[in-house]
Amino acid sequence: MRDEKENKYVAGDTVYAKVNPEVKLVVRRYIHRIYYCQFPNELGRKELALFERELV
């Protein structure tokens, strides 16, 4: 059994993608090891689905 927490970020955390680190993202939800992130200043824009290794 693992004692460590499964996910590193929780809903509401501010993160940045490794491919575009100057763009701020907000974690909306975490399901099955995928983070669903939205752009905080552009609510009409589609959200991104990223793995933990793709986030900074």
PDB file of N, CA and C in Angstrom:
ATOM      1  N   MET A   1       0.841  -1.185   0.000  1.00  0.00           N
ATOM      2  CA  MET A   1       0.000   0.000   0.000  1.00  0.00           C
ATOM      3  C   MET A   1       0.881   1.241   0.000  1.00  0.00           C
ATOM      4  N   ARG A   2       0.516   2.215  -0.811  1.00  0.00           N
ATOM      5  CA  ARG A   2       1.314   3.436  -0.905  1.00  0.00           C
ATOM      6  C   ARG A   2       0.894   4.431   0.162  1.00  0.00           C
ATOM      7  N   ASP A   3       1.861   4.987   0.865  1.00  0.00           N
ATOM      8  CA  ASP A   3       1.582   5.999   1.881  1.00  0.00           C
ATOM      9  C   ASP A   3       1.573   7.398   1.288  1.00  0.00           C
ATOM     10  N   GLU A   4       2.268   7.571   0.167  1.00  0.00           N
ATOM     11  CA  GLU A   4       2.365   8.899  -0.414  1.00  0.00           C
ATOM     12  C   GLU A   4       1.090   9.282  -1.149  1.00  0.00           C
ATOM     13  N   LYS A   5       0.878  10.574  -1.267  1.00  0.00           N
ATOM     14  CA  LYS A   5      -0.296  11.090  -1.959  1.00  0.00           C
ATOM     15  C   LYS A   5      -0.203  10.783  -3.445  1.00  0.00           C
ATOM     16  N   GLU A   6      -1.297  10.399  -4.063  1.00  0.00           N
ATOM     17  CA  GLU A   6      -1.271  10.004  -5.471  1.00  0.00           C
ATOM     18  C   GLU A   6      -1.041  11.187  -6.400  1.00  0.00           C
ATOM     19  N   ASN A   7      -1.721  12.295  -6.157  1.00  0.00           N
ATOM     20  CA  ASN A   7      -1.549  13.443  -7.032  1.00  0.00           C
ATOM     21  C   ASN A   7      -0.790  14.560  -6.330  1.00  0.00           C
ATOM     22  N   LYS A   8      -0.009  15.287  -7.110  1.00  0.00           N
ATOM     23  CA  LYS A   8       0.841  16.342  -6.583  1.00  0.00           C
ATOM     24  C   LYS A   8       0.089  17.659  -6.436  1.00  0.00           C
ATOM     25  N   TYR A   9      -0.854  17.915  -7.331  1.00  0.00           N
ATOM     26  CA  TYR A   9      -1.609  19.162  -7.340  1.00  0.00           C
ATOM     27  C   TYR A   9      -3.070  18.874  -7.036  1.00  0.00           C
ATOM     28  N   VAL A  10      -3.742  19.851  -6.434  1.00  0.00           N
ATOM     29  CA  VAL A  10      -5.171  19.716  -6.129  1.00  0.00           C
ATOM     30  C   VAL A  10      -5.952  20.758  -6.920  1.00  0.00           C
ATOM     31  N   ALA A  11      -7.256  20.605  -6.978  1.00  0.00           N
ATOM     32  CA  ALA A  11      -8.103  21.548  -7.704  1.00  0.00           C
ATOM     33  C   ALA A  11      -7.905  22.964  -7.157  1.00  0.00           C
ATOM     34  N   GLY A  12      -7.725  23.902  -8.068  1.00  0.00           N
ATOM     35  CA  GLY A  12      -7.504  25.292  -7.697  1.00  0.00           C
ATOM     36  C   GLY A  12      -6.047  25.720  -7.700  1.00  0.00           C
ATOM     37  N   ASP A  13      -5.119  24.780  -7.773  1.00  0.00           N
ATOM     38  CA  ASP A  13      -3.693  25.108  -7.814  1.00  0.00           C
ATOM     39  C   ASP A  13      -3.325  25.746  -9.145  1.00  0.00           C
ATOM     40  N   THR A  14      -2.403  26.695  -9.090  1.00  0.00           N
ATOM     41  CA  THR A  14      -1.878  27.313 -10.298  1.00  0.00           C
ATOM     42  C   THR A  14      -0.658  26.526 -10.743  1.00  0.00           C
ATOM     43  N   VAL A  15      -0.644  26.131 -12.013  1.00  0.00           N
ATOM     44  CA  VAL A  15       0.454  25.343 -12.578  1.00  0.00           C
ATOM     45  C   VAL A  15       0.830  25.925 -13.929  1.00  0.00           C
ATOM     46  N   TYR A  16       1.928  25.427 -14.483  1.00  0.00           N
ATOM     47  CA  TYR A  16       2.407  25.850 -15.799  1.00  0.00           C
ATOM     48  C   TYR A  16       2.817  24.611 -16.587  1.00  0.00           C
ATOM     49  N   ALA A  17       2.515  24.598 -17.874  1.00  0.00           N
ATOM     50  CA  ALA A  17       2.907  23.470 -18.726  1.00  0.00           C
ATOM     51  C   ALA A  17       4.368  23.625 -19.115  1.00  0.00           C
ATOM     52  N   LYS A  18       5.094  22.535 -19.205  1.00  0.00           N
ATOM     53  CA  LYS A  18       6.510  22.587 -19.581  1.00  0.00           C
ATOM     54  C   LYS A  18       6.705  23.125 -20.993  1.00  0.00           C
ATOM     55  N   VAL A  19       5.777  22.849 -21.897  1.00  0.00           N
ATOM     56  CA  VAL A  19       5.923  23.291 -23.287  1.00  0.00           C
ATOM     57  C   VAL A  19       5.671  24.784 -23.445  1.00  0.00           C
ATOM     58  N   ASN A  20       4.920  25.399 -22.527  1.00  0.00           N
ATOM     59  CA  ASN A  20       4.607  26.822 -22.610  1.00  0.00           C
ATOM     60  C   ASN A  20       4.538  27.396 -21.193  1.00  0.00           C
ATOM     61  N   PRO A  21       5.699  27.545 -20.532  1.00  0.00           N
ATOM     62  CA  PRO A  21       5.707  27.890 -19.108  1.00  0.00           C
ATOM     63  C   PRO A  21       5.262  29.311 -18.768  1.00  0.00           C
ATOM     64  N   GLU A  22       5.122  30.192 -19.759  1.00  0.00           N
ATOM     65  CA  GLU A  22       4.694  31.549 -19.449  1.00  0.00           C
ATOM     66  C   GLU A  22       3.171  31.685 -19.350  1.00  0.00           C
ATOM     67  N   VAL A  23       2.424  30.642 -19.706  1.00  0.00           N
ATOM     68  CA  VAL A  23       0.965  30.669 -19.641  1.00  0.00           C
ATOM     69  C   VAL A  23       0.493  29.995 -18.354  1.00  0.00           C
ATOM     70  N   LYS A  24      -0.259  30.739 -17.561  1.00  0.00           N
ATOM     71  CA  LYS A  24      -0.767  30.231 -16.289  1.00  0.00           C
ATOM     72  C   LYS A  24      -1.976  29.335 -16.529  1.00  0.00           C
ATOM     73  N   LEU A  25      -2.024  28.223 -15.800  1.00  0.00           N
ATOM     74  CA  LEU A  25      -3.147  27.292 -15.857  1.00  0.00           C
ATOM     75  C   LEU A  25      -3.646  27.039 -14.441  1.00  0.00           C
ATOM     76  N   VAL A  26      -4.904  26.719 -14.311  1.00  0.00           N
ATOM     77  CA  VAL A  26      -5.487  26.377 -13.012  1.00  0.00           C
ATOM     78  C   VAL A  26      -6.052  24.966 -13.106  1.00  0.00           C
ATOM     79  N   VAL A  27      -5.666  24.125 -12.163  1.00  0.00           N
ATOM     80  CA  VAL A  27      -6.160  22.746 -12.141  1.00  0.00           C
ATOM     81  C   VAL A  27      -7.646  22.771 -11.789  1.00  0.00           C
ATOM     82  N   ARG A  28      -8.462  22.194 -12.659  1.00  0.00           N
ATOM     83  CA  ARG A  28      -9.901  22.123 -12.415  1.00  0.00           C
ATOM     84  C   ARG A  28     -10.268  20.819 -11.720  1.00  0.00           C
ATOM     85  N   ARG A  29      -9.684  19.714 -12.203  1.00  0.00           N
ATOM     86  CA  ARG A  29      -9.934  18.416 -11.590  1.00  0.00           C
ATOM     87  C   ARG A  29      -8.825  17.431 -11.935  1.00  0.00           C
ATOM     88  N   TYR A  30      -8.751  16.359 -11.178  1.00  0.00           N
ATOM     89  CA  TYR A  30      -7.748  15.308 -11.362  1.00  0.00           C
ATOM     90  C   TYR A  30      -8.480  13.975 -11.392  1.00  0.00           C
ATOM     91  N   ILE A  31      -8.407  13.281 -12.531  1.00  0.00           N
ATOM     92  CA  ILE A  31      -9.087  11.993 -12.670  1.00  0.00           C
ATOM     93  C   ILE A  31      -8.167  11.025 -13.397  1.00  0.00           C
ATOM     94  N   HIS A  32      -7.968   9.855 -12.824  1.00  0.00           N
ATOM     95  CA  HIS A  32      -7.176   8.785 -13.441  1.00  0.00           C
ATOM     96  C   HIS A  32      -5.811   9.270 -13.937  1.00  0.00           C
ATOM     97  N   ARG A  33      -5.094   9.957 -13.069  1.00  0.00           N
ATOM     98  CA  ARG A  33      -3.737  10.449 -13.328  1.00  0.00           C
ATOM     99  C   ARG A  33      -3.647  11.509 -14.426  1.00  0.00           C
ATOM    100  N   ILE A  34      -4.734  12.157 -14.734  1.00  0.00           N
ATOM    101  CA  ILE A  34      -4.753  13.243 -15.715  1.00  0.00           C
ATOM    102  C   ILE A  34      -5.284  14.501 -15.037  1.00  0.00           C
ATOM    103  N   TYR A  35      -4.564  15.606 -15.224  1.00  0.00           N
ATOM    104  CA  TYR A  35      -4.989  16.898 -14.701  1.00  0.00           C
ATOM    105  C   TYR A  35      -5.729  17.646 -15.797  1.00  0.00           C
ATOM    106  N   TYR A  36      -6.917  18.117 -15.487  1.00  0.00           N
ATOM    107  CA  TYR A  36      -7.692  18.930 -16.420  1.00  0.00           C
ATOM    108  C   TYR A  36      -7.530  20.376 -15.979  1.00  0.00           C
ATOM    109  N   CYS A  37      -6.858  21.158 -16.829  1.00  0.00           N
ATOM    110  CA  CYS A  37      -6.504  22.527 -16.481  1.00  0.00           C
ATOM    111  C   CYS A  37      -7.200  23.507 -17.413  1.00  0.00           C
ATOM    112  N   GLN A  38      -7.601  24.639 -16.844  1.00  0.00           N
ATOM    113  CA  GLN A  38      -8.222  25.675 -17.652  1.00  0.00           C
ATOM    114  C   GLN A  38      -7.390  26.951 -17.576  1.00  0.00           C
ATOM    115  N   PHE A  39      -7.615  27.814 -18.534  1.00  0.00           N
ATOM    116  CA  PHE A  39      -6.937  29.094 -18.592  1.00  0.00           C
ATOM    117  C   PHE A  39      -7.739  30.086 -17.749  1.00  0.00           C
ATOM    118  N   PRO A  40      -7.161  30.653 -16.693  1.00  0.00           N
ATOM    119  CA  PRO A  40      -7.948  31.489 -15.774  1.00  0.00           C
ATOM    120  C   PRO A  40      -8.465  32.781 -16.403  1.00  0.00           C
ATOM    121  N   ASN A  41      -7.758  33.352 -17.359  1.00  0.00           N
ATOM    122  CA  ASN A  41      -8.164  34.620 -17.944  1.00  0.00           C
ATOM    123  C   ASN A  41      -9.003  34.454 -19.204  1.00  0.00           C
ATOM    124  N   GLU A  42      -9.121  33.227 -19.694  1.00  0.00           N
ATOM    125  CA  GLU A  42      -9.848  32.959 -20.928  1.00  0.00           C
ATOM    126  C   GLU A  42     -10.808  31.794 -20.691  1.00  0.00           C
ATOM    127  N   LEU A  43     -11.935  32.066 -20.085  1.00  0.00           N
ATOM    128  CA  LEU A  43     -12.861  31.003 -19.692  1.00  0.00           C
ATOM    129  C   LEU A  43     -13.520  30.309 -20.876  1.00  0.00           C
ATOM    130  N   GLY A  44     -13.630  30.963 -22.028  1.00  0.00           N
ATOM    131  CA  GLY A  44     -14.233  30.349 -23.193  1.00  0.00           C
ATOM    132  C   GLY A  44     -13.315  29.380 -23.916  1.00  0.00           C
ATOM    133  N   ARG A  45     -12.030  29.378 -23.575  1.00  0.00           N
ATOM    134  CA  ARG A  45     -11.037  28.517 -24.220  1.00  0.00           C
ATOM    135  C   ARG A  45     -11.138  27.095 -23.687  1.00  0.00           C
ATOM    136  N   LYS A  46     -10.903  26.118 -24.562  1.00  0.00           N
ATOM    137  CA  LYS A  46     -10.959  24.712 -24.135  1.00  0.00           C
ATOM    138  C   LYS A  46      -9.885  24.425 -23.100  1.00  0.00           C
ATOM    139  N   GLU A  47     -10.196  23.508 -22.188  1.00  0.00           N
ATOM    140  CA  GLU A  47      -9.220  23.144 -21.167  1.00  0.00           C
ATOM    141  C   GLU A  47      -8.221  22.129 -21.711  1.00  0.00           C
ATOM    142  N   LEU A  48      -7.106  22.001 -21.017  1.00  0.00           N
ATOM    143  CA  LEU A  48      -6.057  21.065 -21.401  1.00  0.00           C
ATOM    144  C   LEU A  48      -6.087  19.852 -20.483  1.00  0.00           C
ATOM    145  N   ALA A  49      -5.781  18.694 -21.032  1.00  0.00           N
ATOM    146  CA  ALA A  49      -5.640  17.466 -20.251  1.00  0.00           C
ATOM    147  C   ALA A  49      -4.158  17.110 -20.268  1.00  0.00           C
ATOM    148  N   LEU A  50      -3.520  17.152 -19.098  1.00  0.00           N
ATOM    149  CA  LEU A  50      -2.075  16.970 -19.005  1.00  0.00           C
ATOM    150  C   LEU A  50      -1.735  15.958 -17.924  1.00  0.00           C
ATOM    151  N   PHE A  51      -0.634  15.240 -18.149  1.00  0.00           N
ATOM    152  CA  PHE A  51      -0.092  14.355 -17.123  1.00  0.00           C
ATOM    153  C   PHE A  51       0.778  15.168 -16.182  1.00  0.00           C
ATOM    154  N   GLU A  52       1.034  14.628 -14.993  1.00  0.00           N
ATOM    155  CA  GLU A  52       1.828  15.334 -13.980  1.00  0.00           C
ATOM    156  C   GLU A  52       3.232  15.676 -14.498  1.00  0.00           C
ATOM    157  N   ARG A  53       3.813  14.796 -15.289  1.00  0.00           N
ATOM    158  CA  ARG A  53       5.173  15.033 -15.805  1.00  0.00           C
ATOM    159  C   ARG A  53       5.225  16.190 -16.798  1.00  0.00           C
ATOM    160  N   GLU A  54       4.084  16.628 -17.300  1.00  0.00           N
ATOM    161  CA  GLU A  54       4.027  17.744 -18.242  1.00  0.00           C
ATOM    162  C   GLU A  54       3.827  19.091 -17.569  1.00  0.00           C
ATOM    163  N   LEU A  55       3.700  19.087 -16.229  1.00  0.00           N
ATOM    164  CA  LEU A  55       3.441  20.310 -15.480  1.00  0.00           C
ATOM    165  C   LEU A  55       4.655  20.740 -14.680  1.00  0.00           C
ATOM    166  N   VAL A  56       4.728  22.038 -14.470  1.00  0.00           N
ATOM    167  CA  VAL A  56       5.786  22.622 -13.637  1.00  0.00           C
ATOM    168  C   VAL A  56       5.128  23.277 -12.455  1.00  0.00           C
TER     169      VAL A  56
END
